Amino acid sequence: LRLSCKASGISFSSYAMGWYRQAPGKQRELVAAITSGGRT
């Protein structure tokens, strides 16, 4: 699957972006992140 997240109302290129997930009964956890400079 490919997930997409479209942002509006922010200076997108300045923001670090991340994907988190939360399964039933579990805490939300970081899956992946990318900095404004492209580091992952």
PDB file of all heavy atoms in Angstrom:
ATOM      1  N   LEU A   1       0.858  -1.184   0.000  1.00  0.00           N
ATOM      2  CA  LEU A   1       0.000   0.000   0.000  1.00  0.00           C
ATOM      3  C   LEU A   1       0.892   1.231   0.000  1.00  0.00           C
ATOM      4  O   LEU A   1       2.017   1.186   0.509  1.00  0.00           O
ATOM      5  CB  LEU A   1      -0.903   0.055   1.237  1.00  0.00           C
ATOM      6  CG  LEU A   1      -2.127  -0.851   1.318  1.00  0.00           C
ATOM      7  CD1 LEU A   1      -2.771  -0.708   2.687  1.00  0.00           C
ATOM      8  CD2 LEU A   1      -3.123  -0.524   0.219  1.00  0.00           C
ATOM      9  N   ARG A   2       0.391   2.321  -0.553  1.00  0.00           N
ATOM     10  CA  ARG A   2       1.081   3.605  -0.450  1.00  0.00           C
ATOM     11  C   ARG A   2       0.146   4.607   0.187  1.00  0.00           C
ATOM     12  O   ARG A   2      -0.926   4.906  -0.356  1.00  0.00           O
ATOM     13  CB  ARG A   2       1.555   4.121  -1.806  1.00  0.00           C
ATOM     14  CG  ARG A   2       2.451   5.354  -1.649  1.00  0.00           C
ATOM     15  CD  ARG A   2       3.049   5.847  -2.944  1.00  0.00           C
ATOM     16  NE  ARG A   2       2.144   6.712  -3.680  1.00  0.00           N
ATOM     17  CZ  ARG A   2       2.562   7.679  -4.497  1.00  0.00           C
ATOM     18  NH1 ARG A   2       3.848   7.901  -4.675  1.00  0.00           N
ATOM     19  NH2 ARG A   2       1.671   8.394  -5.158  1.00  0.00           N
ATOM     20  N   LEU A   3       0.573   5.121   1.332  1.00  0.00           N
ATOM     21  CA  LEU A   3      -0.180   6.160   2.015  1.00  0.00           C
ATOM     22  C   LEU A   3       0.318   7.526   1.571  1.00  0.00           C
ATOM     23  O   LEU A   3       1.507   7.709   1.298  1.00  0.00           O
ATOM     24  CB  LEU A   3      -0.020   6.039   3.525  1.00  0.00           C
ATOM     25  CG  LEU A   3      -0.375   4.698   4.154  1.00  0.00           C
ATOM     26  CD1 LEU A   3      -0.223   4.784   5.675  1.00  0.00           C
ATOM     27  CD2 LEU A   3      -1.757   4.253   3.765  1.00  0.00           C
ATOM     28  N   SER A   4      -0.608   8.467   1.506  1.00  0.00           N
ATOM     29  CA  SER A   4      -0.276   9.854   1.184  1.00  0.00           C
ATOM     30  C   SER A   4      -0.826  10.765   2.267  1.00  0.00           C
ATOM     31  O   SER A   4      -1.857  10.475   2.881  1.00  0.00           O
ATOM     32  CB  SER A   4      -0.879  10.262  -0.156  1.00  0.00           C
ATOM     33  OG  SER A   4      -0.402   9.462  -1.207  1.00  0.00           O
ATOM     34  N   CYS A   5      -0.143  11.850   2.506  1.00  0.00           N
ATOM     35  CA  CYS A   5      -0.607  12.857   3.458  1.00  0.00           C
ATOM     36  C   CYS A   5      -0.357  14.220   2.828  1.00  0.00           C
ATOM     37  O   CYS A   5       0.798  14.614   2.635  1.00  0.00           O
ATOM     38  CB  CYS A   5       0.128  12.743   4.770  1.00  0.00           C
ATOM     39  SG  CYS A   5      -0.178  14.106   5.922  1.00  0.00           S
ATOM     40  N   LYS A   6      -1.435  14.906   2.505  1.00  0.00           N
ATOM     41  CA  LYS A   6      -1.324  16.233   1.890  1.00  0.00           C
ATOM     42  C   LYS A   6      -1.552  17.292   2.951  1.00  0.00           C
ATOM     43  O   LYS A   6      -2.563  17.268   3.671  1.00  0.00           O
ATOM     44  CB  LYS A   6      -2.319  16.402   0.752  1.00  0.00           C
ATOM     45  CG  LYS A   6      -2.161  17.727   0.007  1.00  0.00           C
ATOM     46  CD  LYS A   6      -2.955  17.762  -1.249  1.00  0.00           C
ATOM     47  CE  LYS A   6      -2.824  19.099  -1.954  1.00  0.00           C
ATOM     48  NZ  LYS A   6      -1.408  19.390  -2.320  1.00  0.00           N
ATOM     49  N   ALA A   7      -0.623  18.215   3.047  1.00  0.00           N
ATOM     50  CA  ALA A   7      -0.685  19.264   4.052  1.00  0.00           C
ATOM     51  C   ALA A   7      -1.104  20.594   3.426  1.00  0.00           C
ATOM     52  O   ALA A   7      -0.781  20.882   2.277  1.00  0.00           O
ATOM     53  CB  ALA A   7       0.678  19.428   4.720  1.00  0.00           C
ATOM     54  N   SER A   8      -1.827  21.374   4.203  1.00  0.00           N
ATOM     55  CA  SER A   8      -2.162  22.739   3.805  1.00  0.00           C
ATOM     56  C   SER A   8      -2.125  23.623   5.050  1.00  0.00           C
ATOM     57  O   SER A   8      -2.307  23.145   6.174  1.00  0.00           O
ATOM     58  CB  SER A   8      -3.535  22.788   3.139  1.00  0.00           C
ATOM     59  OG  SER A   8      -4.542  22.310   4.007  1.00  0.00           O
ATOM     60  N   GLY A   9      -1.861  24.905   4.821  1.00  0.00           N
ATOM     61  CA  GLY A   9      -1.842  25.846   5.935  1.00  0.00           C
ATOM     62  C   GLY A   9      -0.532  25.936   6.689  1.00  0.00           C
ATOM     63  O   GLY A   9      -0.450  26.625   7.706  1.00  0.00           O
ATOM     64  N   ILE A  10       0.501  25.210   6.216  1.00  0.00           N
ATOM     65  CA  ILE A  10       1.817  25.279   6.840  1.00  0.00           C
ATOM     66  C   ILE A  10       2.876  25.460   5.762  1.00  0.00           C
ATOM     67  O   ILE A  10       2.626  25.185   4.588  1.00  0.00           O
ATOM     68  CB  ILE A  10       2.154  24.014   7.666  1.00  0.00           C
ATOM     69  CG1 ILE A  10       2.149  22.758   6.782  1.00  0.00           C
ATOM     70  CG2 ILE A  10       1.236  23.877   8.862  1.00  0.00           C
ATOM     71  CD1 ILE A  10       2.655  21.505   7.489  1.00  0.00           C
ATOM     72  N   SER A  11       4.041  25.912   6.190  1.00  0.00           N
ATOM     73  CA  SER A  11       5.184  25.992   5.295  1.00  0.00           C
ATOM     74  C   SER A  11       5.796  24.597   5.241  1.00  0.00           C
ATOM     75  O   SER A  11       6.743  24.283   5.966  1.00  0.00           O
ATOM     76  CB  SER A  11       6.198  27.013   5.825  1.00  0.00           C
ATOM     77  OG  SER A  11       7.316  27.079   4.978  1.00  0.00           O
ATOM     78  N   PHE A  12       5.250  23.786   4.379  1.00  0.00           N
ATOM     79  CA  PHE A  12       5.511  22.346   4.393  1.00  0.00           C
ATOM     80  C   PHE A  12       6.997  22.021   4.355  1.00  0.00           C
ATOM     81  O   PHE A  12       7.460  21.158   5.099  1.00  0.00           O
ATOM     82  CB  PHE A  12       4.800  21.696   3.199  1.00  0.00           C
ATOM     83  CG  PHE A  12       4.994  20.212   3.106  1.00  0.00           C
ATOM     84  CD1 PHE A  12       4.234  19.351   3.880  1.00  0.00           C
ATOM     85  CD2 PHE A  12       5.939  19.675   2.235  1.00  0.00           C
ATOM     86  CE1 PHE A  12       4.395  17.977   3.798  1.00  0.00           C
ATOM     87  CE2 PHE A  12       6.118  18.303   2.143  1.00  0.00           C
ATOM     88  CZ  PHE A  12       5.344  17.446   2.936  1.00  0.00           C
ATOM     89  N   SER A  13       7.751  22.677   3.529  1.00  0.00           N
ATOM     90  CA  SER A  13       9.154  22.311   3.344  1.00  0.00           C
ATOM     91  C   SER A  13       9.984  22.521   4.610  1.00  0.00           C
ATOM     92  O   SER A  13      11.066  21.955   4.741  1.00  0.00           O
ATOM     93  CB  SER A  13       9.763  23.090   2.185  1.00  0.00           C
ATOM     94  OG  SER A  13       9.714  24.479   2.447  1.00  0.00           O
ATOM     95  N   SER A  14       9.483  23.307   5.544  1.00  0.00           N
ATOM     96  CA  SER A  14      10.207  23.575   6.790  1.00  0.00           C
ATOM     97  C   SER A  14       9.940  22.538   7.869  1.00  0.00           C
ATOM     98  O   SER A  14      10.639  22.500   8.886  1.00  0.00           O
ATOM     99  CB  SER A  14       9.833  24.954   7.338  1.00  0.00           C
ATOM    100  OG  SER A  14      10.212  25.975   6.444  1.00  0.00           O
ATOM    101  N   TYR A  15       8.948  21.715   7.662  1.00  0.00           N
ATOM    102  CA  TYR A  15       8.506  20.771   8.678  1.00  0.00           C
ATOM    103  C   TYR A  15       9.124  19.393   8.502  1.00  0.00           C
ATOM    104  O   TYR A  15       9.240  18.887   7.377  1.00  0.00           O
ATOM    105  CB  TYR A  15       6.982  20.621   8.654  1.00  0.00           C
ATOM    106  CG  TYR A  15       6.260  21.719   9.387  1.00  0.00           C
ATOM    107  CD1 TYR A  15       6.176  23.003   8.838  1.00  0.00           C
ATOM    108  CD2 TYR A  15       5.672  21.487  10.618  1.00  0.00           C
ATOM    109  CE1 TYR A  15       5.528  24.010   9.528  1.00  0.00           C
ATOM    110  CE2 TYR A  15       5.007  22.490  11.303  1.00  0.00           C
ATOM    111  CZ  TYR A  15       4.947  23.748  10.751  1.00  0.00           C
ATOM    112  OH  TYR A  15       4.302  24.752  11.429  1.00  0.00           O
ATOM    113  N   ALA A  16       9.509  18.784   9.627  1.00  0.00           N
ATOM    114  CA  ALA A  16       9.766  17.350   9.635  1.00  0.00           C
ATOM    115  C   ALA A  16       8.412  16.652   9.578  1.00  0.00           C
ATOM    116  O   ALA A  16       7.453  17.101  10.221  1.00  0.00           O
ATOM    117  CB  ALA A  16      10.514  16.948  10.898  1.00  0.00           C
ATOM    118  N   MET A  17       8.356  15.581   8.815  1.00  0.00           N
ATOM    119  CA  MET A  17       7.098  14.845   8.650  1.00  0.00           C
ATOM    120  C   MET A  17       7.279  13.414   9.138  1.00  0.00           C
ATOM    121  O   MET A  17       8.342  12.805   8.944  1.00  0.00           O
ATOM    122  CB  MET A  17       6.676  14.835   7.183  1.00  0.00           C
ATOM    123  CG  MET A  17       6.457  16.215   6.584  1.00  0.00           C
ATOM    124  SD  MET A  17       5.156  17.149   7.407  1.00  0.00           S
ATOM    125  CE  MET A  17       3.712  16.113   7.077  1.00  0.00           C
ATOM    126  N   GLY A  18       6.239  12.896   9.735  1.00  0.00           N
ATOM    127  CA  GLY A  18       6.327  11.540  10.242  1.00  0.00           C
ATOM    128  C   GLY A  18       5.038  10.772  10.044  1.00  0.00           C
ATOM    129  O   GLY A  18       3.957  11.359   9.887  1.00  0.00           O
ATOM    130  N   TRP A  19       5.200   9.464  10.009  1.00  0.00           N
ATOM    131  CA  TRP A  19       4.055   8.551  10.022  1.00  0.00           C
ATOM    132  C   TRP A  19       4.099   7.778  11.341  1.00  0.00           C
ATOM    133  O   TRP A  19       5.142   7.220  11.700  1.00  0.00           O
ATOM    134  CB  TRP A  19       4.112   7.581   8.851  1.00  0.00           C
ATOM    135  CG  TRP A  19       3.763   8.206   7.537  1.00  0.00           C
ATOM    136  CD1 TRP A  19       4.620   8.667   6.583  1.00  0.00           C
ATOM    137  CD2 TRP A  19       2.436   8.421   7.033  1.00  0.00           C
ATOM    138  NE1 TRP A  19       3.915   9.177   5.520  1.00  0.00           N
ATOM    139  CE2 TRP A  19       2.572   9.020   5.759  1.00  0.00           C
ATOM    140  CE3 TRP A  19       1.154   8.159   7.517  1.00  0.00           C
ATOM    141  CZ2 TRP A  19       1.475   9.380   4.977  1.00  0.00           C
ATOM    142  CZ3 TRP A  19       0.068   8.507   6.746  1.00  0.00           C
ATOM    143  CH2 TRP A  19       0.229   9.109   5.487  1.00  0.00           C
ATOM    144  N   TYR A  20       2.970   7.767  12.017  1.00  0.00           N
ATOM    145  CA  TYR A  20       2.811   7.018  13.259  1.00  0.00           C
ATOM    146  C   TYR A  20       1.679   6.021  13.055  1.00  0.00           C
ATOM    147  O   TYR A  20       0.866   6.180  12.130  1.00  0.00           O
ATOM    148  CB  TYR A  20       2.464   7.957  14.423  1.00  0.00           C
ATOM    149  CG  TYR A  20       3.578   8.857  14.862  1.00  0.00           C
ATOM    150  CD1 TYR A  20       3.995   9.933  14.073  1.00  0.00           C
ATOM    151  CD2 TYR A  20       4.227   8.649  16.076  1.00  0.00           C
ATOM    152  CE1 TYR A  20       5.027  10.764  14.485  1.00  0.00           C
ATOM    153  CE2 TYR A  20       5.256   9.475  16.501  1.00  0.00           C
ATOM    154  CZ  TYR A  20       5.646  10.529  15.704  1.00  0.00           C
ATOM    155  OH  TYR A  20       6.664  11.353  16.109  1.00  0.00           O
ATOM    156  N   ARG A  21       1.611   5.039  13.931  1.00  0.00           N
ATOM    157  CA  ARG A  21       0.491   4.108  13.869  1.00  0.00           C
ATOM    158  C   ARG A  21       0.056   3.724  15.279  1.00  0.00           C
ATOM    159  O   ARG A  21       0.848   3.757  16.209  1.00  0.00           O
ATOM    160  CB  ARG A  21       0.840   2.871  13.049  1.00  0.00           C
ATOM    161  CG  ARG A  21       1.880   1.962  13.668  1.00  0.00           C
ATOM    162  CD  ARG A  21       2.257   0.850  12.695  1.00  0.00           C
ATOM    163  NE  ARG A  21       3.264  -0.047  13.241  1.00  0.00           N
ATOM    164  CZ  ARG A  21       3.865  -0.994  12.549  1.00  0.00           C
ATOM    165  NH1 ARG A  21       3.559  -1.184  11.251  1.00  0.00           N
ATOM    166  NH2 ARG A  21       4.756  -1.779  13.121  1.00  0.00           N
ATOM    167  N   GLN A  22      -1.204   3.361  15.364  1.00  0.00           N
ATOM    168  CA  GLN A  22      -1.752   2.922  16.638  1.00  0.00           C
ATOM    169  C   GLN A  22      -2.662   1.727  16.397  1.00  0.00           C
ATOM    170  O   GLN A  22      -3.668   1.838  15.687  1.00  0.00           O
ATOM    171  CB  GLN A  22      -2.519   4.043  17.328  1.00  0.00           C
ATOM    172  CG  GLN A  22      -2.955   3.702  18.736  1.00  0.00           C
ATOM    173  CD  GLN A  22      -3.406   4.907  19.525  1.00  0.00           C
ATOM    174  OE1 GLN A  22      -3.731   5.959  18.966  1.00  0.00           O
ATOM    175  NE2 GLN A  22      -3.414   4.786  20.852  1.00  0.00           N
ATOM    176  N   ALA A  23      -2.276   0.605  16.967  1.00  0.00           N
ATOM    177  CA  ALA A  23      -3.080  -0.616  16.893  1.00  0.00           C
ATOM    178  C   ALA A  23      -4.007  -0.664  18.106  1.00  0.00           C
ATOM    179  O   ALA A  23      -3.728  -0.033  19.132  1.00  0.00           O
ATOM    180  CB  ALA A  23      -2.168  -1.830  16.861  1.00  0.00           C
ATOM    181  N   PRO A  24      -5.090  -1.411  18.015  1.00  0.00           N
ATOM    182  CA  PRO A  24      -6.033  -1.495  19.142  1.00  0.00           C
ATOM    183  C   PRO A  24      -5.329  -1.946  20.412  1.00  0.00           C
ATOM    184  O   PRO A  24      -4.590  -2.928  20.411  1.00  0.00           O
ATOM    185  CB  PRO A  24      -7.038  -2.537  18.661  1.00  0.00           C
ATOM    186  CG  PRO A  24      -6.993  -2.447  17.180  1.00  0.00           C
ATOM    187  CD  PRO A  24      -5.570  -2.149  16.837  1.00  0.00           C
ATOM    188  N   GLY A  25      -5.553  -1.194  21.497  1.00  0.00           N
ATOM    189  CA  GLY A  25      -4.978  -1.548  22.778  1.00  0.00           C
ATOM    190  C   GLY A  25      -3.509  -1.223  22.948  1.00  0.00           C
ATOM    191  O   GLY A  25      -2.904  -1.576  23.963  1.00  0.00           O
ATOM    192  N   LYS A  26      -2.927  -0.564  21.943  1.00  0.00           N
ATOM    193  CA  LYS A  26      -1.502  -0.238  22.015  1.00  0.00           C
ATOM    194  C   LYS A  26      -1.287   1.263  21.928  1.00  0.00           C
ATOM    195  O   LYS A  26      -2.160   2.006  21.479  1.00  0.00           O
ATOM    196  CB  LYS A  26      -0.736  -0.949  20.903  1.00  0.00           C
ATOM    197  CG  LYS A  26      -0.732  -2.456  21.011  1.00  0.00           C
ATOM    198  CD  LYS A  26       0.204  -3.074  20.000  1.00  0.00           C
ATOM    199  CE  LYS A  26       0.280  -4.586  20.170  1.00  0.00           C
ATOM    200  NZ  LYS A  26       1.213  -5.204  19.195  1.00  0.00           N
ATOM    201  N   GLN A  27      -0.099   1.702  22.342  1.00  0.00           N
ATOM    202  CA  GLN A  27       0.243   3.113  22.233  1.00  0.00           C
ATOM    203  C   GLN A  27       0.601   3.477  20.806  1.00  0.00           C
ATOM    204  O   GLN A  27       1.044   2.637  20.018  1.00  0.00           O
ATOM    205  CB  GLN A  27       1.422   3.420  23.167  1.00  0.00           C
ATOM    206  CG  GLN A  27       1.073   3.398  24.641  1.00  0.00           C
ATOM    207  CD  GLN A  27       2.197   3.935  25.499  1.00  0.00           C
ATOM    208  OE1 GLN A  27       3.365   3.795  25.172  1.00  0.00           O
ATOM    209  NE2 GLN A  27       1.857   4.567  26.613  1.00  0.00           N
ATOM    210  N   ARG A  28       0.428   4.744  20.505  1.00  0.00           N
ATOM    211  CA  ARG A  28       0.845   5.236  19.188  1.00  0.00           C
ATOM    212  C   ARG A  28       2.368   5.167  19.113  1.00  0.00           C
ATOM    213  O   ARG A  28       3.069   5.529  20.059  1.00  0.00           O
ATOM    214  CB  ARG A  28       0.365   6.673  18.997  1.00  0.00           C
ATOM    215  CG  ARG A  28       0.530   7.198  17.592  1.00  0.00           C
ATOM    216  CD  ARG A  28      -0.119   8.560  17.428  1.00  0.00           C
ATOM    217  NE  ARG A  28      -1.563   8.514  17.631  1.00  0.00           N
ATOM    218  CZ  ARG A  28      -2.381   9.530  17.371  1.00  0.00           C
ATOM    219  NH1 ARG A  28      -1.894  10.661  16.874  1.00  0.00           N
ATOM    220  NH2 ARG A  28      -3.676   9.419  17.604  1.00  0.00           N
ATOM    221  N   GLU A  29       2.873   4.710  17.979  1.00  0.00           N
ATOM    222  CA  GLU A  29       4.312   4.559  17.796  1.00  0.00           C
ATOM    223  C   GLU A  29       4.761   5.170  16.483  1.00  0.00           C
ATOM    224  O   GLU A  29       4.017   5.196  15.502  1.00  0.00           O
ATOM    225  CB  GLU A  29       4.717   3.078  17.831  1.00  0.00           C
ATOM    226  CG  GLU A  29       4.143   2.250  16.700  1.00  0.00           C
ATOM    227  CD  GLU A  29       4.645   0.819  16.674  1.00  0.00           C
ATOM    228  OE1 GLU A  29       5.499   0.444  17.502  1.00  0.00           O
ATOM    229  OE2 GLU A  29       4.183   0.037  15.812  1.00  0.00           O
ATOM    230  N   LEU A  30       6.018   5.646  16.497  1.00  0.00           N
ATOM    231  CA  LEU A  30       6.610   6.188  15.278  1.00  0.00           C
ATOM    232  C   LEU A  30       6.922   5.046  14.313  1.00  0.00           C
ATOM    233  O   LEU A  30       7.532   4.053  14.684  1.00  0.00           O
ATOM    234  CB  LEU A  30       7.885   6.954  15.601  1.00  0.00           C
ATOM    235  CG  LEU A  30       8.667   7.483  14.401  1.00  0.00           C
ATOM    236  CD1 LEU A  30       7.894   8.568  13.680  1.00  0.00           C
ATOM    237  CD2 LEU A  30      10.029   7.990  14.848  1.00  0.00           C
ATOM    238  N   VAL A  31       6.521   5.216  13.066  1.00  0.00           N
ATOM    239  CA  VAL A  31       6.835   4.253  12.016  1.00  0.00           C
ATOM    240  C   VAL A  31       8.015   4.742  11.185  1.00  0.00           C
ATOM    241  O   VAL A  31       8.985   4.008  10.967  1.00  0.00           O
ATOM    242  CB  VAL A  31       5.613   4.040  11.101  1.00  0.00           C
ATOM    243  CG1 VAL A  31       5.967   3.122   9.941  1.00  0.00           C
ATOM    244  CG2 VAL A  31       4.437   3.494  11.897  1.00  0.00           C
ATOM    245  N   ALA A  32       7.932   5.979  10.722  1.00  0.00           N
ATOM    246  CA  ALA A  32       8.988   6.531   9.879  1.00  0.00           C
ATOM    247  C   ALA A  32       8.908   8.049   9.921  1.00  0.00           C
ATOM    248  O   ALA A  32       7.829   8.604  10.129  1.00  0.00           O
ATOM    249  CB  ALA A  32       8.844   6.052   8.440  1.00  0.00           C
ATOM    250  N   ALA A  33      10.042   8.691   9.732  1.00  0.00           N
ATOM    251  CA  ALA A  33      10.083  10.148   9.729  1.00  0.00           C
ATOM    252  C   ALA A  33      11.078  10.637   8.696  1.00  0.00           C
ATOM    253  O   ALA A  33      12.023   9.917   8.336  1.00  0.00           O
ATOM    254  CB  ALA A  33      10.448  10.673  11.113  1.00  0.00           C
ATOM    255  N   ILE A  34      10.845  11.862   8.226  1.00  0.00           N
ATOM    256  CA  ILE A  34      11.751  12.479   7.264  1.00  0.00           C
ATOM    257  C   ILE A  34      11.912  13.944   7.654  1.00  0.00           C
ATOM    258  O   ILE A  34      10.931  14.647   7.901  1.00  0.00           O
ATOM    259  CB  ILE A  34      11.224  12.305   5.822  1.00  0.00           C
ATOM    260  CG1 ILE A  34      12.223  12.858   4.813  1.00  0.00           C
ATOM    261  CG2 ILE A  34       9.831  12.910   5.636  1.00  0.00           C
ATOM    262  CD1 ILE A  34      11.926  12.416   3.372  1.00  0.00           C
ATOM    263  N   THR A  35      13.158  14.399   7.716  1.00  0.00           N
ATOM    264  CA  THR A  35      13.411  15.778   8.096  1.00  0.00           C
ATOM    265  C   THR A  35      13.158  16.712   6.928  1.00  0.00           C
ATOM    266  O   THR A  35      12.948  16.286   5.788  1.00  0.00           O
ATOM    267  CB  THR A  35      14.855  15.953   8.575  1.00  0.00           C
ATOM    268  OG1 THR A  35      15.729  15.780   7.440  1.00  0.00           O
ATOM    269  CG2 THR A  35      15.215  14.964   9.666  1.00  0.00           C
ATOM    270  N   SER A  36      13.217  17.995   7.195  1.00  0.00           N
ATOM    271  CA  SER A  36      13.058  18.980   6.124  1.00  0.00           C
ATOM    272  C   SER A  36      14.176  18.830   5.098  1.00  0.00           C
ATOM    273  O   SER A  36      13.991  19.143   3.918  1.00  0.00           O
ATOM    274  CB  SER A  36      13.045  20.394   6.698  1.00  0.00           C
ATOM    275  OG  SER A  36      14.233  20.652   7.421  1.00  0.00           O
ATOM    276  N   GLY A  37      15.319  18.322   5.530  1.00  0.00           N
ATOM    277  CA  GLY A  37      16.439  18.118   4.621  1.00  0.00           C
ATOM    278  C   GLY A  37      16.451  16.780   3.932  1.00  0.00           C
ATOM    279  O   GLY A  37      17.339  16.508   3.110  1.00  0.00           O
ATOM    280  N   GLY A  38      15.477  15.929   4.263  1.00  0.00           N
ATOM    281  CA  GLY A  38      15.361  14.657   3.572  1.00  0.00           C
ATOM    282  C   GLY A  38      15.957  13.456   4.286  1.00  0.00           C
ATOM    283  O   GLY A  38      15.930  12.343   3.754  1.00  0.00           O
ATOM    284  N   ARG A  39      16.497  13.653   5.488  1.00  0.00           N
ATOM    285  CA  ARG A  39      17.013  12.499   6.228  1.00  0.00           C
ATOM    286  C   ARG A  39      15.850  11.685   6.773  1.00  0.00           C
ATOM    287  O   ARG A  39      14.859  12.240   7.225  1.00  0.00           O
ATOM    288  CB  ARG A  39      17.923  12.946   7.356  1.00  0.00           C
ATOM    289  CG  ARG A  39      19.280  13.459   6.891  1.00  0.00           C
ATOM    290  CD  ARG A  39      20.118  13.891   8.070  1.00  0.00           C
ATOM    291  NE  ARG A  39      19.500  15.012   8.764  1.00  0.00           N
ATOM    292  CZ  ARG A  39      19.935  15.495   9.918  1.00  0.00           C
ATOM    293  NH1 ARG A  39      20.978  14.934  10.516  1.00  0.00           N
ATOM    294  NH2 ARG A  39      19.339  16.522  10.483  1.00  0.00           N
ATOM    295  N   THR A  40      16.015  10.371   6.753  1.00  0.00           N
ATOM    296  CA  THR A  40      14.938   9.479   7.166  1.00  0.00           C
ATOM    297  C   THR A  40      15.358   8.593   8.325  1.00  0.00           C
ATOM    298  O   THR A  40      16.546   8.326   8.529  1.00  0.00           O
ATOM    299  CB  THR A  40      14.495   8.585   5.996  1.00  0.00           C
ATOM    300  OG1 THR A  40      15.616   7.796   5.559  1.00  0.00           O
ATOM    301  CG2 THR A  40      13.969   9.415   4.833  1.00  0.00           C
TER     302      THR A  40
END
